[in-house]
Amino acid sequence: MILYFSVFSTGYDSSKTSERDLCVYFKNIFDIEYQNKNIVIDPVFNQNKKIKIKNNELQHIESCFIHNPNFIIDNNLENRVQGHLRENRRLPNQIKNLLGLIKKCKTNGHELIIILPPARSEYKHLIEVDIFNEIHQISQSYNLKIIDLFNYDLFTDDDFGDSDHVNINGANKLTNIAKNEIS
């Protein structure tokens, strides 16, 4: 299993976003409780997107992601970074869920690989150097492979569509690096 863990992931609460319906998947597949107990899930989504798990393997899941070629245009990078850092520090954080995912992977004999995605140079310049220390410590404690592309020198600013999302060239580069690291 591959988990992308971004700057904001530590405190990110998807139940407060337009992607809140995905919490149904997280609950049914990984037994991750809804962080927001008052979450309102679209009943049609919940009913029509049935998840079938047999022998601890996902049998069927409909993709609910739509490819959007538009990137986030933010004229104030400092505000974007501060928003991500605010999510990073939000409590309760997602570390409990990460530890649960690690346990579930180990119980089911699955390898968990954490990827720290890359970002443009001006974005990284505004982020604390030790932003991923806790994730590195967890990966070391549980003997997990971590692929740190955030501090990887092979990415250039031309590989990004915005401050923290790769474009098609960056996606191809990221995929090839991850593929080589994993195999």
C-alpha atoms as a PDB file:
ATOM      1  CA  MET A   1       0.000   0.000   0.000  1.00  0.00           C
ATOM      2  CA  ILE A   2       1.288   3.447  -0.875  1.00  0.00           C
ATOM      3  CA  LEU A   3       0.369   6.436   1.262  1.00  0.00           C
ATOM      4  CA  TYR A   4       1.119   9.950   0.063  1.00  0.00           C
ATOM      5  CA  PHE A   5       1.666  12.130   3.117  1.00  0.00           C
ATOM      6  CA  SER A   6       1.750  15.881   2.449  1.00  0.00           C
ATOM      7  CA  VAL A   7       2.597  18.858   4.634  1.00  0.00           C
ATOM      8  CA  PHE A   8      -1.065  19.294   5.593  1.00  0.00           C
ATOM      9  CA  SER A   9      -1.881  15.582   6.052  1.00  0.00           C
ATOM     10  CA  THR A  10      -1.184  15.435   9.780  1.00  0.00           C
ATOM     11  CA  GLY A  11      -4.218  17.529  10.713  1.00  0.00           C
ATOM     12  CA  TYR A  12      -6.305  17.272   7.554  1.00  0.00           C
ATOM     13  CA  ASP A  13      -9.967  16.540   8.188  1.00  0.00           C
ATOM     14  CA  SER A  14     -11.611  15.479   4.928  1.00  0.00           C
ATOM     15  CA  SER A  15     -15.025  15.600   6.616  1.00  0.00           C
ATOM     16  CA  LYS A  16     -14.792  19.396   6.471  1.00  0.00           C
ATOM     17  CA  THR A  17     -14.151  19.488   2.727  1.00  0.00           C
ATOM     18  CA  SER A  18     -16.054  18.843  -0.478  1.00  0.00           C
ATOM     19  CA  GLU A  19     -14.503  15.334  -0.383  1.00  0.00           C
ATOM     20  CA  ARG A  20     -16.298  14.398   2.846  1.00  0.00           C
ATOM     21  CA  ASP A  21     -18.141  11.529   1.138  1.00  0.00           C
ATOM     22  CA  LEU A  22     -14.797   9.735   0.842  1.00  0.00           C
ATOM     23  CA  CYS A  23     -14.956   9.241   4.603  1.00  0.00           C
ATOM     24  CA  VAL A  24     -17.321   6.348   3.809  1.00  0.00           C
ATOM     25  CA  TYR A  25     -14.438   4.560   2.071  1.00  0.00           C
ATOM     26  CA  PHE A  26     -11.995   5.313   4.865  1.00  0.00           C
ATOM     27  CA  LYS A  27     -14.452   3.982   7.425  1.00  0.00           C
ATOM     28  CA  ASN A  28     -15.357   0.840   5.494  1.00  0.00           C
ATOM     29  CA  ILE A  29     -11.903  -0.081   4.195  1.00  0.00           C
ATOM     30  CA  PHE A  30      -9.588   1.032   6.991  1.00  0.00           C
ATOM     31  CA  ASP A  31     -12.025   1.305   9.913  1.00  0.00           C
ATOM     32  CA  ILE A  32     -11.117   4.977  10.337  1.00  0.00           C
ATOM     33  CA  GLU A  33     -13.786   6.638  12.444  1.00  0.00           C
ATOM     34  CA  TYR A  34     -15.290   9.875  11.246  1.00  0.00           C
ATOM     35  CA  GLN A  35     -13.229  12.604  12.869  1.00  0.00           C
ATOM     36  CA  ASN A  36     -16.233  14.894  12.780  1.00  0.00           C
ATOM     37  CA  LYS A  37     -19.058  13.013  14.519  1.00  0.00           C
ATOM     38  CA  ASN A  38     -21.614  15.405  12.975  1.00  0.00           C
ATOM     39  CA  ILE A  39     -20.543  14.636   9.411  1.00  0.00           C
ATOM     40  CA  VAL A  40     -23.362  14.517   6.892  1.00  0.00           C
ATOM     41  CA  ILE A  41     -22.693  11.939   4.192  1.00  0.00           C
ATOM     42  CA  ASP A  42     -24.729  12.047   1.007  1.00  0.00           C
ATOM     43  CA  PRO A  43     -27.087   9.059   1.475  1.00  0.00           C
ATOM     44  CA  VAL A  44     -27.074   8.325  -2.265  1.00  0.00           C
ATOM     45  CA  PHE A  45     -23.272   8.184  -2.242  1.00  0.00           C
ATOM     46  CA  ASN A  46     -23.259   5.962   0.813  1.00  0.00           C
ATOM     47  CA  GLN A  47     -25.840   3.599  -0.679  1.00  0.00           C
ATOM     48  CA  ASN A  48     -24.527   3.397  -4.258  1.00  0.00           C
ATOM     49  CA  LYS A  49     -20.818   3.126  -3.522  1.00  0.00           C
ATOM     50  CA  LYS A  50     -20.865  -0.209  -1.774  1.00  0.00           C
ATOM     51  CA  ILE A  51     -17.498  -1.593  -0.846  1.00  0.00           C
ATOM     52  CA  LYS A  52     -17.051  -5.325  -0.916  1.00  0.00           C
ATOM     53  CA  ILE A  53     -14.211  -6.809   1.061  1.00  0.00           C
ATOM     54  CA  LYS A  54     -13.571 -10.529   0.866  1.00  0.00           C
ATOM     55  CA  ASN A  55     -10.629 -12.221   2.548  1.00  0.00           C
ATOM     56  CA  ASN A  56      -9.189  -8.808   3.461  1.00  0.00           C
ATOM     57  CA  GLU A  57      -8.979  -7.800  -0.197  1.00  0.00           C
ATOM     58  CA  LEU A  58     -10.877  -5.032  -1.897  1.00  0.00           C
ATOM     59  CA  GLN A  59     -13.075  -6.646  -4.537  1.00  0.00           C
ATOM     60  CA  HIS A  60     -14.688  -3.596  -6.107  1.00  0.00           C
ATOM     61  CA  ILE A  61     -14.623   0.115  -5.640  1.00  0.00           C
ATOM     62  CA  GLU A  62     -15.903   2.810  -7.955  1.00  0.00           C
ATOM     63  CA  SER A  63     -13.577   5.695  -8.538  1.00  0.00           C
ATOM     64  CA  CYS A  64     -15.060   8.933  -7.341  1.00  0.00           C
ATOM     65  CA  PHE A  65     -12.154  11.125  -8.384  1.00  0.00           C
ATOM     66  CA  ILE A  66     -12.514  13.297 -11.440  1.00  0.00           C
ATOM     67  CA  HIS A  67      -9.417  14.333 -13.333  1.00  0.00           C
ATOM     68  CA  ASN A  68      -9.174  18.100 -13.138  1.00  0.00           C
ATOM     69  CA  PRO A  69      -6.417  19.630 -15.247  1.00  0.00           C
ATOM     70  CA  ASN A  70      -6.793  22.980 -13.481  1.00  0.00           C
ATOM     71  CA  PHE A  71      -4.221  23.875 -10.880  1.00  0.00           C
ATOM     72  CA  ILE A  72      -4.728  26.011  -7.813  1.00  0.00           C
ATOM     73  CA  ILE A  73      -3.933  29.574  -8.655  1.00  0.00           C
ATOM     74  CA  ASP A  74      -3.066  31.356  -5.455  1.00  0.00           C
ATOM     75  CA  ASN A  75      -1.585  34.787  -5.717  1.00  0.00           C
ATOM     76  CA  ASN A  76      -0.415  34.612  -2.136  1.00  0.00           C
ATOM     77  CA  LEU A  77       1.862  31.645  -1.620  1.00  0.00           C
ATOM     78  CA  GLU A  78       2.504  32.577   1.998  1.00  0.00           C
ATOM     79  CA  ASN A  79      -1.231  32.276   2.752  1.00  0.00           C
ATOM     80  CA  ARG A  80      -1.353  28.856   1.064  1.00  0.00           C
ATOM     81  CA  VAL A  81       1.648  27.626   3.034  1.00  0.00           C
ATOM     82  CA  GLN A  82       0.224  29.022   6.286  1.00  0.00           C
ATOM     83  CA  GLY A  83      -3.042  27.179   5.569  1.00  0.00           C
ATOM     84  CA  HIS A  84      -1.141  23.932   5.063  1.00  0.00           C
ATOM     85  CA  LEU A  85       0.875  24.496   8.242  1.00  0.00           C
ATOM     86  CA  ARG A  86      -2.351  25.216  10.160  1.00  0.00           C
ATOM     87  CA  GLU A  87      -3.686  21.823   8.981  1.00  0.00           C
ATOM     88  CA  ASN A  88      -0.379  20.230   9.959  1.00  0.00           C
ATOM     89  CA  ARG A  89      -0.785  21.450  13.546  1.00  0.00           C
ATOM     90  CA  ARG A  90      -4.537  20.787  13.860  1.00  0.00           C
ATOM     91  CA  LEU A  91      -5.642  18.572  16.705  1.00  0.00           C
ATOM     92  CA  PRO A  92      -6.797  15.916  16.867  1.00  0.00           C
ATOM     93  CA  ASN A  93      -4.352  14.867  14.204  1.00  0.00           C
ATOM     94  CA  GLN A  94      -4.254  11.884  11.864  1.00  0.00           C
ATOM     95  CA  ILE A  95      -1.280  10.132  13.490  1.00  0.00           C
ATOM     96  CA  LYS A  96      -3.643   7.798  15.384  1.00  0.00           C
ATOM     97  CA  ASN A  97      -5.167   6.779  12.042  1.00  0.00           C
ATOM     98  CA  LEU A  98      -1.725   6.343  10.488  1.00  0.00           C
ATOM     99  CA  LEU A  99      -0.717   4.036  13.341  1.00  0.00           C
ATOM    100  CA  GLY A 100      -3.973   2.104  12.868  1.00  0.00           C
ATOM    101  CA  LEU A 101      -3.250   1.773   9.153  1.00  0.00           C
ATOM    102  CA  ILE A 102       0.266   0.512   9.917  1.00  0.00           C
ATOM    103  CA  LYS A 103      -1.169  -2.085  12.312  1.00  0.00           C
ATOM    104  CA  LYS A 104      -3.818  -3.180   9.806  1.00  0.00           C
ATOM    105  CA  CYS A 105      -1.199  -3.526   7.043  1.00  0.00           C
ATOM    106  CA  LYS A 106       1.080  -5.586   9.278  1.00  0.00           C
ATOM    107  CA  THR A 107      -1.834  -7.788  10.439  1.00  0.00           C
ATOM    108  CA  ASN A 108      -2.811  -8.470   6.818  1.00  0.00           C
ATOM    109  CA  GLY A 109       0.748  -8.969   5.580  1.00  0.00           C
ATOM    110  CA  HIS A 110       0.768  -5.825   3.436  1.00  0.00           C
ATOM    111  CA  GLU A 111       3.741  -3.524   3.067  1.00  0.00           C
ATOM    112  CA  LEU A 112       3.038   0.154   3.674  1.00  0.00           C
ATOM    113  CA  ILE A 113       5.215   2.639   1.824  1.00  0.00           C
ATOM    114  CA  ILE A 114       4.986   6.333   2.659  1.00  0.00           C
ATOM    115  CA  ILE A 115       5.723   8.876  -0.047  1.00  0.00           C
ATOM    116  CA  LEU A 116       6.369  12.497   0.861  1.00  0.00           C
ATOM    117  CA  PRO A 117       5.419  14.314  -2.356  1.00  0.00           C
ATOM    118  CA  PRO A 118       7.603  17.019  -3.907  1.00  0.00           C
ATOM    119  CA  ALA A 119       6.887  20.750  -3.971  1.00  0.00           C
ATOM    120  CA  ARG A 120       8.193  23.815  -5.771  1.00  0.00           C
ATOM    121  CA  SER A 121      11.263  25.538  -4.349  1.00  0.00           C
ATOM    122  CA  GLU A 122       9.458  28.682  -3.151  1.00  0.00           C
ATOM    123  CA  TYR A 123       6.895  26.515  -1.304  1.00  0.00           C
ATOM    124  CA  LYS A 124       9.624  24.447   0.389  1.00  0.00           C
ATOM    125  CA  HIS A 125      11.463  27.634   1.334  1.00  0.00           C
ATOM    126  CA  LEU A 126       8.466  28.648   3.500  1.00  0.00           C
ATOM    127  CA  ILE A 127       8.169  25.258   5.253  1.00  0.00           C
ATOM    128  CA  GLU A 128      10.017  24.364   8.450  1.00  0.00           C
ATOM    129  CA  VAL A 129      12.968  22.063   7.825  1.00  0.00           C
ATOM    130  CA  ASP A 130      11.724  19.448  10.294  1.00  0.00           C
ATOM    131  CA  ILE A 131       8.112  19.345   9.068  1.00  0.00           C
ATOM    132  CA  PHE A 132       8.240  15.572   8.444  1.00  0.00           C
ATOM    133  CA  ASN A 133      10.308  14.546  11.501  1.00  0.00           C
ATOM    134  CA  GLU A 134       7.407  12.712  13.151  1.00  0.00           C
ATOM    135  CA  ILE A 135       6.678  10.734   9.976  1.00  0.00           C
ATOM    136  CA  HIS A 136      10.354   9.820   9.607  1.00  0.00           C
ATOM    137  CA  GLN A 137      10.419   8.686  13.261  1.00  0.00           C
ATOM    138  CA  ILE A 138       7.274   6.586  12.809  1.00  0.00           C
ATOM    139  CA  SER A 139       8.616   4.985   9.631  1.00  0.00           C
ATOM    140  CA  GLN A 140      11.865   4.168  11.433  1.00  0.00           C
ATOM    141  CA  SER A 141      10.055   2.767  14.501  1.00  0.00           C
ATOM    142  CA  TYR A 142       7.842   0.501  12.375  1.00  0.00           C
ATOM    143  CA  ASN A 143      10.508  -0.312   9.787  1.00  0.00           C
ATOM    144  CA  LEU A 144       8.519   1.284   6.946  1.00  0.00           C
ATOM    145  CA  LYS A 145       9.943   2.369   3.635  1.00  0.00           C
ATOM    146  CA  ILE A 146       9.674   6.117   3.181  1.00  0.00           C
ATOM    147  CA  ILE A 147      10.317   7.829  -0.136  1.00  0.00           C
ATOM    148  CA  ASP A 148      11.074  11.464   0.610  1.00  0.00           C
ATOM    149  CA  LEU A 149      10.455  13.324  -2.645  1.00  0.00           C
ATOM    150  CA  PHE A 150       9.893  16.578  -0.756  1.00  0.00           C
ATOM    151  CA  ASN A 151      13.646  16.900  -0.308  1.00  0.00           C
ATOM    152  CA  TYR A 152      14.524  15.268  -3.622  1.00  0.00           C
ATOM    153  CA  ASP A 153      16.740  17.367  -5.916  1.00  0.00           C
ATOM    154  CA  LEU A 154      15.579  15.774  -9.158  1.00  0.00           C
ATOM    155  CA  PHE A 155      12.414  17.892  -9.333  1.00  0.00           C
ATOM    156  CA  THR A 156      12.579  21.379 -10.817  1.00  0.00           C
ATOM    157  CA  ASP A 157       9.970  24.124 -10.655  1.00  0.00           C
ATOM    158  CA  ASP A 158       9.020  23.216 -14.234  1.00  0.00           C
ATOM    159  CA  ASP A 159       7.658  19.909 -12.899  1.00  0.00           C
ATOM    160  CA  PHE A 160       4.788  21.673 -11.092  1.00  0.00           C
ATOM    161  CA  GLY A 161       1.454  23.118 -12.126  1.00  0.00           C
ATOM    162  CA  ASP A 162       1.316  25.127  -8.916  1.00  0.00           C
ATOM    163  CA  SER A 163       3.225  25.325  -5.657  1.00  0.00           C
ATOM    164  CA  ASP A 164       2.534  21.782  -4.476  1.00  0.00           C
ATOM    165  CA  HIS A 165       0.934  19.801  -7.325  1.00  0.00           C
ATOM    166  CA  VAL A 166       2.973  18.169 -10.055  1.00  0.00           C
ATOM    167  CA  ASN A 167       2.033  18.676 -13.695  1.00  0.00           C
ATOM    168  CA  ILE A 168       2.087  15.821 -16.214  1.00  0.00           C
ATOM    169  CA  ASN A 169       5.892  15.954 -16.515  1.00  0.00           C
ATOM    170  CA  GLY A 170       6.253  15.955 -12.740  1.00  0.00           C
ATOM    171  CA  ALA A 171       3.716  13.129 -12.441  1.00  0.00           C
ATOM    172  CA  ASN A 172       5.694  11.010 -14.893  1.00  0.00           C
ATOM    173  CA  LYS A 173       8.916  11.732 -13.025  1.00  0.00           C
ATOM    174  CA  LEU A 174       7.286  10.990  -9.654  1.00  0.00           C
ATOM    175  CA  THR A 175       5.823   7.731 -10.966  1.00  0.00           C
ATOM    176  CA  ASN A 176       9.160   6.571 -12.364  1.00  0.00           C
ATOM    177  CA  ILE A 177      11.032   7.435  -9.169  1.00  0.00           C
ATOM    178  CA  ALA A 178       8.439   5.680  -7.011  1.00  0.00           C
ATOM    179  CA  LYS A 179       8.421   2.647  -9.317  1.00  0.00           C
ATOM    180  CA  ASN A 180      12.215   2.376  -9.159  1.00  0.00           C
ATOM    181  CA  GLU A 181      12.279   2.831  -5.380  1.00  0.00           C
ATOM    182  CA  ILE A 182       9.576   0.252  -4.792  1.00  0.00           C
ATOM    183  CA  SER A 183      10.894  -2.486  -7.082  1.00  0.00           C
END
